[in-house]
Structures are given as structure tokens and as C-alpha cells.
Amino acid sequence: MGERKKQTVEGDIKNSSLPADLQEAHLAFCRFMKNNGFSIEMEEDGNGWQIRDMNACVGHTNYRNVGIWIDTCDFGSGGAPDGIDAAFKKTVWAHVRICEHYTSGGKQCGCGKQPGTDETIFGKEHGNLCFSRLEFINPDVETIENIQKLLLLFKRNKMRQ
């Protein structure tokens, strides 16, 4: 266990199979999170990292299979907050994670929280969402920038409450 405690998310990124430009983008993502009050903590099972805001887990990242999952879609009510354009909303909607545990013939997400929930994200209804509402597998630089935008929207909404 001592070996795991020494591991850092930055080290995990540098030891990943990501090309150099994407390693830098993910390292910049980590700096962004830390600079904006998010913390990055190792998952209890040692398989990836939690993205936390104060005492709440808002997402996860893993550099073995290179993914970022966002657990919350609490970005405010009434559709999309000011400054959110149609292209950004479509990008978010394209990464909605459907809970596939009960689908016939589909992969099982294994979330253990079935059935999924229904939720409105930026004014559009989505059904049977997994506990990680959004899933970004092998995100490119532009997608990572959109994830940062999502996290800032989440934080801004939480500050208003």
C-alpha cells in the first residue's frame, strides 16, 4: 500500500501510453483542477483518481484506459447557463453515459446503481443515465478544454446555492 500512496496523478499520466501532446494536455488539466479548487485523490481501490470539489466527488479519471467521467450534471436549472452555445451543448450531449446494465445484448457498465436515472442536461431530457453522467474516453485537447468548462460551470452553480 505504501507504493500506491507515493503514486501521483502526474506520474500516472507520464507513465501512460498517451502521446506527448496529450500527456501535456492532461497535465495541464490537473493544474487547472488544482488552480480552481478541485482536488485529485487516488480511488480507494488504487484504480484511478477521484476529482473532488470540497468533500464531494464530482468525477473520476483513469490513465490506464484514458477516460474522464463526470458524476454530476448540476450545472444550474432552466436549460443552459448564460454563455453556453449550441455546439458546446451538443458536445456534452454526445458524451452522456447511458446505464447499460439492463440492455439486451449491450455491454454492462457495471455501475451497481441500476436502474439509471433520468436527468435534464442543458435543457435536453436524457433517460437511464449511469452514476457517472458523462463519459469521455480518450479525450483530445479540445474535449479536455470542454471538460474544464463543465467543471467551472459546476463550481459557479455551487457558489450560487
N, C-alpha and C. Protein backbone atom coordinates (compact mmCIF):
# COMPACT_ATOMS: atom_id res chain seq x y z
N MET A 1 0.82 -1.19 0.00
CA MET A 1 0.00 0.00 0.00
C MET A 1 0.86 1.25 0.00
N GLY A 2 2.03 1.23 0.64
CA GLY A 2 2.91 2.38 0.67
C GLY A 2 3.30 2.83 -0.72
N GLU A 3 3.49 1.88 -1.62
CA GLU A 3 3.83 2.20 -3.01
C GLU A 3 2.73 3.02 -3.67
N ARG A 4 1.48 2.66 -3.44
CA ARG A 4 0.35 3.38 -4.02
C ARG A 4 0.27 4.80 -3.49
N LYS A 5 0.57 4.98 -2.20
CA LYS A 5 0.49 6.31 -1.60
C LYS A 5 1.51 7.26 -2.22
N LYS A 6 2.63 6.73 -2.71
CA LYS A 6 3.66 7.56 -3.33
C LYS A 6 3.28 7.97 -4.75
N GLN A 7 2.36 7.23 -5.36
CA GLN A 7 1.97 7.50 -6.74
C GLN A 7 1.23 8.82 -6.82
N THR A 8 1.47 9.56 -7.90
CA THR A 8 0.77 10.81 -8.13
C THR A 8 0.04 10.73 -9.47
N VAL A 9 -0.98 11.56 -9.63
CA VAL A 9 -1.70 11.57 -10.90
C VAL A 9 -0.76 12.03 -12.01
N GLU A 10 0.12 12.97 -11.71
CA GLU A 10 1.08 13.43 -12.72
C GLU A 10 2.01 12.28 -13.16
N GLY A 11 2.46 11.48 -12.21
CA GLY A 11 3.29 10.33 -12.53
C GLY A 11 2.53 9.30 -13.35
N ASP A 12 1.25 9.12 -13.00
CA ASP A 12 0.40 8.19 -13.74
C ASP A 12 0.27 8.64 -15.20
N ILE A 13 0.11 9.94 -15.42
CA ILE A 13 -0.01 10.48 -16.77
C ILE A 13 1.30 10.27 -17.52
N LYS A 14 2.41 10.61 -16.89
CA LYS A 14 3.72 10.48 -17.54
C LYS A 14 4.07 9.04 -17.88
N ASN A 15 3.54 8.08 -17.10
CA ASN A 15 3.80 6.67 -17.34
C ASN A 15 2.76 6.03 -18.25
N SER A 16 1.79 6.82 -18.72
CA SER A 16 0.73 6.28 -19.57
C SER A 16 1.23 6.11 -21.00
N SER A 17 0.39 5.53 -21.81
CA SER A 17 0.73 5.34 -23.23
C SER A 17 0.30 6.52 -24.09
N LEU A 18 -0.12 7.61 -23.47
CA LEU A 18 -0.54 8.79 -24.22
C LEU A 18 0.64 9.40 -24.97
N PRO A 19 0.40 9.92 -26.18
CA PRO A 19 1.46 10.66 -26.87
C PRO A 19 1.80 11.93 -26.10
N ALA A 20 2.96 12.49 -26.35
CA ALA A 20 3.48 13.63 -25.57
C ALA A 20 2.51 14.81 -25.53
N ASP A 21 1.86 15.15 -26.66
CA ASP A 21 0.95 16.30 -26.66
C ASP A 21 -0.26 16.07 -25.76
N LEU A 22 -0.78 14.85 -25.73
CA LEU A 22 -1.91 14.56 -24.86
C LEU A 22 -1.48 14.43 -23.41
N GLN A 23 -0.27 13.93 -23.17
CA GLN A 23 0.23 13.92 -21.80
C GLN A 23 0.26 15.35 -21.26
N GLU A 24 0.77 16.27 -22.07
CA GLU A 24 0.83 17.68 -21.65
C GLU A 24 -0.57 18.24 -21.42
N ALA A 25 -1.53 17.89 -22.27
CA ALA A 25 -2.91 18.36 -22.10
C ALA A 25 -3.51 17.84 -20.80
N HIS A 26 -3.24 16.59 -20.46
CA HIS A 26 -3.76 16.02 -19.21
C HIS A 26 -3.04 16.61 -18.00
N LEU A 27 -1.76 16.87 -18.12
CA LEU A 27 -1.03 17.54 -17.03
C LEU A 27 -1.59 18.95 -16.82
N ALA A 28 -1.88 19.65 -17.92
CA ALA A 28 -2.48 20.98 -17.83
C ALA A 28 -3.86 20.89 -17.18
N PHE A 29 -4.61 19.82 -17.48
CA PHE A 29 -5.92 19.59 -16.86
C PHE A 29 -5.77 19.45 -15.34
N CYS A 30 -4.77 18.73 -14.91
CA CYS A 30 -4.52 18.58 -13.46
C CYS A 30 -4.18 19.93 -12.83
N ARG A 31 -3.35 20.72 -13.51
CA ARG A 31 -3.03 22.06 -12.98
C ARG A 31 -4.29 22.92 -12.92
N PHE A 32 -5.11 22.85 -13.96
CA PHE A 32 -6.37 23.59 -13.99
C PHE A 32 -7.22 23.23 -12.77
N MET A 33 -7.36 21.93 -12.52
CA MET A 33 -8.21 21.50 -11.39
C MET A 33 -7.66 22.05 -10.08
N LYS A 34 -6.38 21.89 -9.86
CA LYS A 34 -5.78 22.37 -8.61
C LYS A 34 -5.90 23.88 -8.49
N ASN A 35 -5.71 24.61 -9.59
CA ASN A 35 -5.81 26.08 -9.57
C ASN A 35 -7.23 26.57 -9.35
N ASN A 36 -8.22 25.71 -9.58
CA ASN A 36 -9.62 26.10 -9.43
C ASN A 36 -10.31 25.43 -8.25
N GLY A 37 -9.51 24.96 -7.31
CA GLY A 37 -10.06 24.45 -6.05
C GLY A 37 -10.55 23.02 -6.07
N PHE A 38 -10.27 22.28 -7.12
CA PHE A 38 -10.60 20.86 -7.15
C PHE A 38 -9.40 20.09 -6.63
N SER A 39 -9.64 18.96 -6.02
CA SER A 39 -8.53 18.11 -5.61
C SER A 39 -8.60 16.81 -6.40
N ILE A 40 -7.46 16.14 -6.46
CA ILE A 40 -7.35 14.87 -7.16
C ILE A 40 -6.82 13.86 -6.15
N GLU A 41 -7.62 12.86 -5.86
CA GLU A 41 -7.26 11.86 -4.86
C GLU A 41 -7.37 10.47 -5.45
N MET A 42 -6.46 9.60 -5.06
CA MET A 42 -6.49 8.23 -5.56
C MET A 42 -7.77 7.53 -5.13
N GLU A 43 -8.35 6.77 -6.04
CA GLU A 43 -9.51 5.94 -5.71
C GLU A 43 -9.11 4.95 -4.62
N GLU A 44 -10.06 4.57 -3.79
CA GLU A 44 -9.77 3.64 -2.70
C GLU A 44 -9.16 2.34 -3.18
N ASP A 45 -9.59 1.87 -4.36
CA ASP A 45 -9.06 0.62 -4.88
C ASP A 45 -7.74 0.79 -5.64
N GLY A 46 -7.24 2.04 -5.70
CA GLY A 46 -5.99 2.31 -6.39
C GLY A 46 -6.10 2.34 -7.90
N ASN A 47 -7.32 2.21 -8.42
CA ASN A 47 -7.55 2.16 -9.86
C ASN A 47 -8.10 3.49 -10.36
N GLY A 48 -7.23 4.48 -10.48
CA GLY A 48 -7.65 5.77 -10.99
C GLY A 48 -7.71 6.83 -9.91
N TRP A 49 -8.33 7.94 -10.26
CA TRP A 49 -8.30 9.14 -9.43
C TRP A 49 -9.69 9.76 -9.33
N GLN A 50 -10.01 10.26 -8.16
CA GLN A 50 -11.26 11.00 -7.96
C GLN A 50 -11.00 12.48 -8.17
N ILE A 51 -11.94 13.14 -8.82
CA ILE A 51 -11.93 14.59 -8.93
C ILE A 51 -12.92 15.07 -7.88
N ARG A 52 -12.44 15.87 -6.93
CA ARG A 52 -13.28 16.28 -5.81
C ARG A 52 -13.38 17.79 -5.74
N ASP A 53 -14.56 18.24 -5.35
CA ASP A 53 -14.79 19.64 -5.05
C ASP A 53 -15.26 19.69 -3.61
N MET A 54 -14.42 20.24 -2.76
CA MET A 54 -14.65 20.24 -1.32
C MET A 54 -14.75 18.79 -0.87
N ASN A 55 -15.86 18.37 -0.29
CA ASN A 55 -15.98 17.00 0.19
C ASN A 55 -16.71 16.08 -0.76
N ALA A 56 -17.05 16.56 -1.95
CA ALA A 56 -17.85 15.76 -2.87
C ALA A 56 -17.03 15.30 -4.07
N CYS A 57 -17.24 14.04 -4.42
CA CYS A 57 -16.64 13.50 -5.63
C CYS A 57 -17.50 13.94 -6.81
N VAL A 58 -16.92 14.64 -7.76
CA VAL A 58 -17.66 15.11 -8.93
C VAL A 58 -17.25 14.39 -10.20
N GLY A 59 -16.21 13.56 -10.12
CA GLY A 59 -15.78 12.83 -11.30
C GLY A 59 -14.60 11.92 -11.01
N HIS A 60 -14.15 11.30 -12.07
CA HIS A 60 -13.05 10.33 -11.97
C HIS A 60 -12.20 10.44 -13.22
N THR A 61 -10.96 10.02 -13.09
CA THR A 61 -10.08 9.91 -14.25
C THR A 61 -9.20 8.68 -14.07
N ASN A 62 -8.82 8.10 -15.17
CA ASN A 62 -8.01 6.90 -15.14
C ASN A 62 -7.09 6.94 -16.36
N TYR A 63 -5.82 6.72 -16.14
CA TYR A 63 -4.87 6.79 -17.25
C TYR A 63 -4.42 5.42 -17.74
N ARG A 64 -5.02 4.36 -17.22
CA ARG A 64 -4.77 3.04 -17.78
C ARG A 64 -5.63 2.85 -19.03
N ASN A 65 -6.90 3.28 -18.94
CA ASN A 65 -7.77 3.21 -20.12
C ASN A 65 -8.16 4.61 -20.60
N VAL A 66 -7.51 5.62 -20.12
CA VAL A 66 -7.61 7.02 -20.50
C VAL A 66 -9.06 7.48 -20.66
N GLY A 67 -9.65 7.78 -19.54
CA GLY A 67 -11.01 8.30 -19.55
C GLY A 67 -11.20 9.31 -18.43
N ILE A 68 -12.18 10.18 -18.65
CA ILE A 68 -12.62 11.13 -17.64
C ILE A 68 -14.13 10.98 -17.54
N TRP A 69 -14.63 10.77 -16.33
CA TRP A 69 -16.04 10.61 -16.09
C TRP A 69 -16.51 11.72 -15.16
N ILE A 70 -17.62 12.34 -15.49
CA ILE A 70 -18.19 13.39 -14.66
C ILE A 70 -19.46 12.83 -14.02
N ASP A 71 -19.53 12.88 -12.68
CA ASP A 71 -20.65 12.29 -11.95
C ASP A 71 -21.84 13.21 -11.79
N THR A 72 -21.64 14.49 -11.96
CA THR A 72 -22.72 15.43 -11.71
C THR A 72 -23.08 16.20 -12.97
N CYS A 73 -24.33 16.54 -13.08
CA CYS A 73 -24.77 17.44 -14.14
C CYS A 73 -25.53 18.60 -13.52
N ASP A 74 -25.15 18.94 -12.31
CA ASP A 74 -25.78 20.03 -11.58
C ASP A 74 -25.13 21.34 -12.01
N PHE A 75 -25.44 21.75 -13.23
CA PHE A 75 -24.86 22.97 -13.78
C PHE A 75 -25.85 24.11 -13.74
N GLY A 76 -26.91 23.97 -13.00
CA GLY A 76 -27.93 25.01 -12.91
C GLY A 76 -29.20 24.55 -13.61
N SER A 77 -30.31 25.17 -13.24
CA SER A 77 -31.61 24.79 -13.81
C SER A 77 -31.97 25.70 -14.97
N GLY A 78 -33.05 25.36 -15.63
CA GLY A 78 -33.58 26.22 -16.68
C GLY A 78 -32.82 26.13 -17.99
N GLY A 79 -32.42 24.96 -18.39
CA GLY A 79 -31.72 24.83 -19.67
C GLY A 79 -30.23 25.01 -19.48
N ALA A 80 -29.64 25.85 -20.30
CA ALA A 80 -28.20 26.05 -20.23
C ALA A 80 -27.90 27.42 -19.63
N PRO A 81 -26.88 27.49 -18.80
CA PRO A 81 -26.48 28.79 -18.25
C PRO A 81 -26.05 29.75 -19.35
N ASP A 82 -26.00 31.02 -19.01
CA ASP A 82 -25.54 32.03 -19.97
C ASP A 82 -24.17 31.67 -20.51
N GLY A 83 -23.96 31.96 -21.78
CA GLY A 83 -22.66 31.74 -22.40
C GLY A 83 -22.44 30.35 -22.95
N ILE A 84 -23.45 29.48 -22.88
CA ILE A 84 -23.30 28.13 -23.40
C ILE A 84 -23.90 28.09 -24.80
N ASP A 85 -23.06 27.80 -25.78
CA ASP A 85 -23.55 27.79 -27.16
C ASP A 85 -24.03 26.39 -27.57
N ALA A 86 -24.72 26.34 -28.69
CA ALA A 86 -25.30 25.09 -29.17
C ALA A 86 -24.23 24.02 -29.42
N ALA A 87 -23.09 24.41 -29.96
CA ALA A 87 -22.02 23.44 -30.24
C ALA A 87 -21.51 22.80 -28.94
N PHE A 88 -21.37 23.60 -27.90
CA PHE A 88 -20.90 23.07 -26.62
C PHE A 88 -21.94 22.09 -26.05
N LYS A 89 -23.22 22.46 -26.10
CA LYS A 89 -24.27 21.57 -25.60
C LYS A 89 -24.25 20.24 -26.36
N LYS A 90 -24.11 20.30 -27.68
CA LYS A 90 -24.07 19.06 -28.47
C LYS A 90 -22.88 18.19 -28.09
N THR A 91 -21.76 18.84 -27.81
CA THR A 91 -20.57 18.09 -27.37
C THR A 91 -20.85 17.36 -26.06
N VAL A 92 -21.47 18.06 -25.13
CA VAL A 92 -21.80 17.44 -23.83
C VAL A 92 -22.79 16.30 -24.06
N TRP A 93 -23.86 16.55 -24.81
CA TRP A 93 -24.87 15.52 -25.04
C TRP A 93 -24.28 14.29 -25.71
N ALA A 94 -23.25 14.46 -26.54
CA ALA A 94 -22.62 13.31 -27.21
C ALA A 94 -21.88 12.40 -26.23
N HIS A 95 -21.61 12.91 -25.03
CA HIS A 95 -20.86 12.13 -24.04
C HIS A 95 -21.71 11.67 -22.86
N VAL A 96 -23.03 11.76 -23.00
CA VAL A 96 -23.92 11.25 -21.96
C VAL A 96 -23.70 9.75 -21.84
N ARG A 97 -23.60 9.28 -20.61
CA ARG A 97 -23.32 7.86 -20.37
C ARG A 97 -24.61 7.15 -19.95
N ILE A 98 -25.09 6.30 -20.82
CA ILE A 98 -26.30 5.53 -20.56
C ILE A 98 -25.94 4.31 -19.70
N CYS A 99 -26.75 4.06 -18.69
CA CYS A 99 -26.56 2.88 -17.84
C CYS A 99 -27.01 1.67 -18.66
N GLU A 100 -26.06 0.86 -19.04
CA GLU A 100 -26.34 -0.23 -19.98
C GLU A 100 -26.52 -1.58 -19.31
N HIS A 101 -26.66 -1.59 -18.02
CA HIS A 101 -26.75 -2.86 -17.31
C HIS A 101 -27.95 -3.70 -17.75
N TYR A 102 -29.06 -3.03 -18.03
CA TYR A 102 -30.27 -3.78 -18.35
C TYR A 102 -30.55 -3.91 -19.84
N THR A 103 -29.69 -3.40 -20.70
CA THR A 103 -29.97 -3.50 -22.12
C THR A 103 -29.63 -4.90 -22.61
N SER A 104 -30.44 -5.42 -23.50
CA SER A 104 -30.18 -6.76 -24.01
C SER A 104 -29.08 -6.70 -25.06
N GLY A 105 -28.09 -7.48 -24.88
CA GLY A 105 -27.01 -7.56 -25.85
C GLY A 105 -25.97 -6.46 -25.73
N GLY A 106 -26.22 -5.43 -24.94
CA GLY A 106 -25.27 -4.34 -24.79
C GLY A 106 -24.24 -4.66 -23.72
N LYS A 107 -23.19 -3.87 -23.70
CA LYS A 107 -22.19 -4.06 -22.65
C LYS A 107 -22.80 -3.67 -21.32
N GLN A 108 -22.28 -4.20 -20.27
CA GLN A 108 -22.74 -3.84 -18.94
C GLN A 108 -21.78 -2.82 -18.36
N CYS A 109 -22.31 -1.70 -17.91
CA CYS A 109 -21.43 -0.66 -17.37
C CYS A 109 -20.88 -1.06 -16.01
N GLY A 110 -21.59 -1.93 -15.28
CA GLY A 110 -21.08 -2.42 -14.01
C GLY A 110 -21.13 -1.40 -12.89
N CYS A 111 -21.98 -0.40 -13.02
CA CYS A 111 -22.01 0.66 -12.01
C CYS A 111 -22.62 0.20 -10.70
N GLY A 112 -23.44 -0.82 -10.72
CA GLY A 112 -24.04 -1.30 -9.49
C GLY A 112 -25.14 -0.41 -8.95
N LYS A 113 -25.57 0.56 -9.72
CA LYS A 113 -26.59 1.51 -9.24
C LYS A 113 -27.81 1.49 -10.16
N GLN A 114 -28.09 0.38 -10.78
CA GLN A 114 -29.20 0.28 -11.70
C GLN A 114 -30.51 0.37 -10.95
N PRO A 115 -31.58 0.76 -11.57
CA PRO A 115 -31.57 1.28 -12.93
C PRO A 115 -31.01 2.69 -12.95
N GLY A 116 -30.67 3.16 -14.14
CA GLY A 116 -30.16 4.52 -14.29
C GLY A 116 -31.22 5.55 -13.96
N THR A 117 -30.83 6.80 -13.95
CA THR A 117 -31.75 7.88 -13.63
C THR A 117 -32.02 8.75 -14.85
N ASP A 118 -33.13 9.45 -14.80
CA ASP A 118 -33.47 10.40 -15.86
C ASP A 118 -33.03 11.78 -15.40
N GLU A 119 -32.46 12.53 -16.32
CA GLU A 119 -31.97 13.85 -15.97
C GLU A 119 -32.00 14.77 -17.17
N THR A 120 -32.23 16.04 -16.90
CA THR A 120 -32.19 17.06 -17.94
C THR A 120 -30.81 17.71 -17.89
N ILE A 121 -30.14 17.71 -19.03
CA ILE A 121 -28.81 18.31 -19.13
C ILE A 121 -28.88 19.39 -20.20
N PHE A 122 -28.67 20.62 -19.78
CA PHE A 122 -28.72 21.77 -20.68
C PHE A 122 -30.02 21.78 -21.50
N GLY A 123 -31.13 21.52 -20.82
CA GLY A 123 -32.45 21.62 -21.44
C GLY A 123 -32.90 20.41 -22.23
N LYS A 124 -32.12 19.35 -22.29
CA LYS A 124 -32.50 18.15 -23.03
C LYS A 124 -32.62 16.98 -22.07
N GLU A 125 -33.76 16.25 -22.17
CA GLU A 125 -34.00 15.08 -21.32
C GLU A 125 -33.15 13.90 -21.78
N HIS A 126 -32.57 13.22 -20.83
CA HIS A 126 -31.80 12.00 -21.09
C HIS A 126 -32.29 10.95 -20.11
N GLY A 127 -32.53 9.75 -20.60
CA GLY A 127 -33.04 8.68 -19.75
C GLY A 127 -31.99 7.64 -19.45
N ASN A 128 -32.15 6.99 -18.30
CA ASN A 128 -31.34 5.85 -17.89
C ASN A 128 -29.85 6.18 -17.82
N LEU A 129 -29.53 7.32 -17.19
CA LEU A 129 -28.13 7.72 -17.06
C LEU A 129 -27.44 6.93 -15.97
N CYS A 130 -26.19 6.63 -16.20
CA CYS A 130 -25.35 5.94 -15.23
C CYS A 130 -24.97 6.93 -14.12
N PHE A 131 -24.39 6.42 -13.03
CA PHE A 131 -24.00 7.33 -11.94
C PHE A 131 -22.95 8.33 -12.40
N SER A 132 -22.08 7.95 -13.32
CA SER A 132 -21.20 8.91 -13.98
C SER A 132 -21.98 9.41 -15.18
N ARG A 133 -22.48 10.62 -15.09
CA ARG A 133 -23.40 11.15 -16.09
C ARG A 133 -22.76 11.32 -17.46
N LEU A 134 -21.49 11.68 -17.47
CA LEU A 134 -20.78 11.94 -18.72
C LEU A 134 -19.52 11.10 -18.77
N GLU A 135 -19.20 10.61 -19.97
CA GLU A 135 -18.03 9.74 -20.14
C GLU A 135 -17.22 10.22 -21.34
N PHE A 136 -15.95 10.50 -21.09
CA PHE A 136 -15.05 10.98 -22.14
C PHE A 136 -13.89 9.99 -22.23
N ILE A 137 -13.91 9.14 -23.23
CA ILE A 137 -12.86 8.14 -23.42
C ILE A 137 -11.87 8.68 -24.45
N ASN A 138 -10.58 8.60 -24.12
CA ASN A 138 -9.52 9.13 -24.98
C ASN A 138 -9.79 10.56 -25.43
N PRO A 139 -10.05 11.46 -24.48
CA PRO A 139 -10.36 12.84 -24.87
C PRO A 139 -9.17 13.52 -25.53
N ASP A 140 -9.48 14.31 -26.57
CA ASP A 140 -8.44 15.10 -27.22
C ASP A 140 -8.33 16.45 -26.50
N VAL A 141 -7.46 17.30 -26.96
CA VAL A 141 -7.19 18.58 -26.30
C VAL A 141 -8.47 19.42 -26.22
N GLU A 142 -9.23 19.51 -27.31
CA GLU A 142 -10.46 20.30 -27.31
C GLU A 142 -11.49 19.75 -26.33
N THR A 143 -11.60 18.43 -26.25
CA THR A 143 -12.55 17.82 -25.32
C THR A 143 -12.13 18.10 -23.88
N ILE A 144 -10.84 18.04 -23.59
CA ILE A 144 -10.36 18.35 -22.24
C ILE A 144 -10.71 19.79 -21.88
N GLU A 145 -10.59 20.70 -22.84
CA GLU A 145 -10.97 22.10 -22.59
C GLU A 145 -12.46 22.20 -22.29
N ASN A 146 -13.29 21.41 -22.98
CA ASN A 146 -14.73 21.40 -22.70
C ASN A 146 -15.03 20.83 -21.32
N ILE A 147 -14.28 19.83 -20.89
CA ILE A 147 -14.46 19.28 -19.55
C ILE A 147 -14.12 20.34 -18.51
N GLN A 148 -13.08 21.11 -18.75
CA GLN A 148 -12.73 22.21 -17.84
C GLN A 148 -13.88 23.21 -17.76
N LYS A 149 -14.47 23.53 -18.88
CA LYS A 149 -15.60 24.45 -18.92
C LYS A 149 -16.77 23.89 -18.10
N LEU A 150 -17.02 22.59 -18.23
CA LEU A 150 -18.07 21.94 -17.45
C LEU A 150 -17.80 22.06 -15.95
N LEU A 151 -16.58 21.79 -15.55
CA LEU A 151 -16.24 21.85 -14.13
C LEU A 151 -16.39 23.27 -13.58
N LEU A 152 -16.04 24.27 -14.38
CA LEU A 152 -16.22 25.66 -13.94
C LEU A 152 -17.70 26.01 -13.83
N LEU A 153 -18.53 25.49 -14.74
CA LEU A 153 -19.97 25.70 -14.65
C LEU A 153 -20.53 25.08 -13.37
N PHE A 154 -20.07 23.87 -13.08
CA PHE A 154 -20.49 23.20 -11.86
C PHE A 154 -20.12 24.03 -10.64
N LYS A 155 -18.88 24.48 -10.58
CA LYS A 155 -18.41 25.26 -9.43
C LYS A 155 -19.17 26.58 -9.31
N ARG A 156 -19.40 27.24 -10.45
CA ARG A 156 -20.13 28.51 -10.43
C ARG A 156 -21.54 28.31 -9.90
N ASN A 157 -22.21 27.22 -10.31
CA ASN A 157 -23.56 26.93 -9.85
C ASN A 157 -23.56 26.63 -8.35
N LYS A 158 -22.57 25.89 -7.87
CA LYS A 158 -22.50 25.56 -6.44
C LYS A 158 -22.29 26.81 -5.60
N MET A 159 -21.53 27.77 -6.12
CA MET A 159 -21.28 29.01 -5.38
C MET A 159 -22.54 29.85 -5.24
N ARG A 160 -23.47 29.72 -6.20
CA ARG A 160 -24.71 30.48 -6.15
C ARG A 160 -25.70 29.90 -5.14
N GLN A 161 -25.54 28.62 -4.80
CA GLN A 161 -26.50 27.97 -3.90
C GLN A 161 -26.30 28.37 -2.47
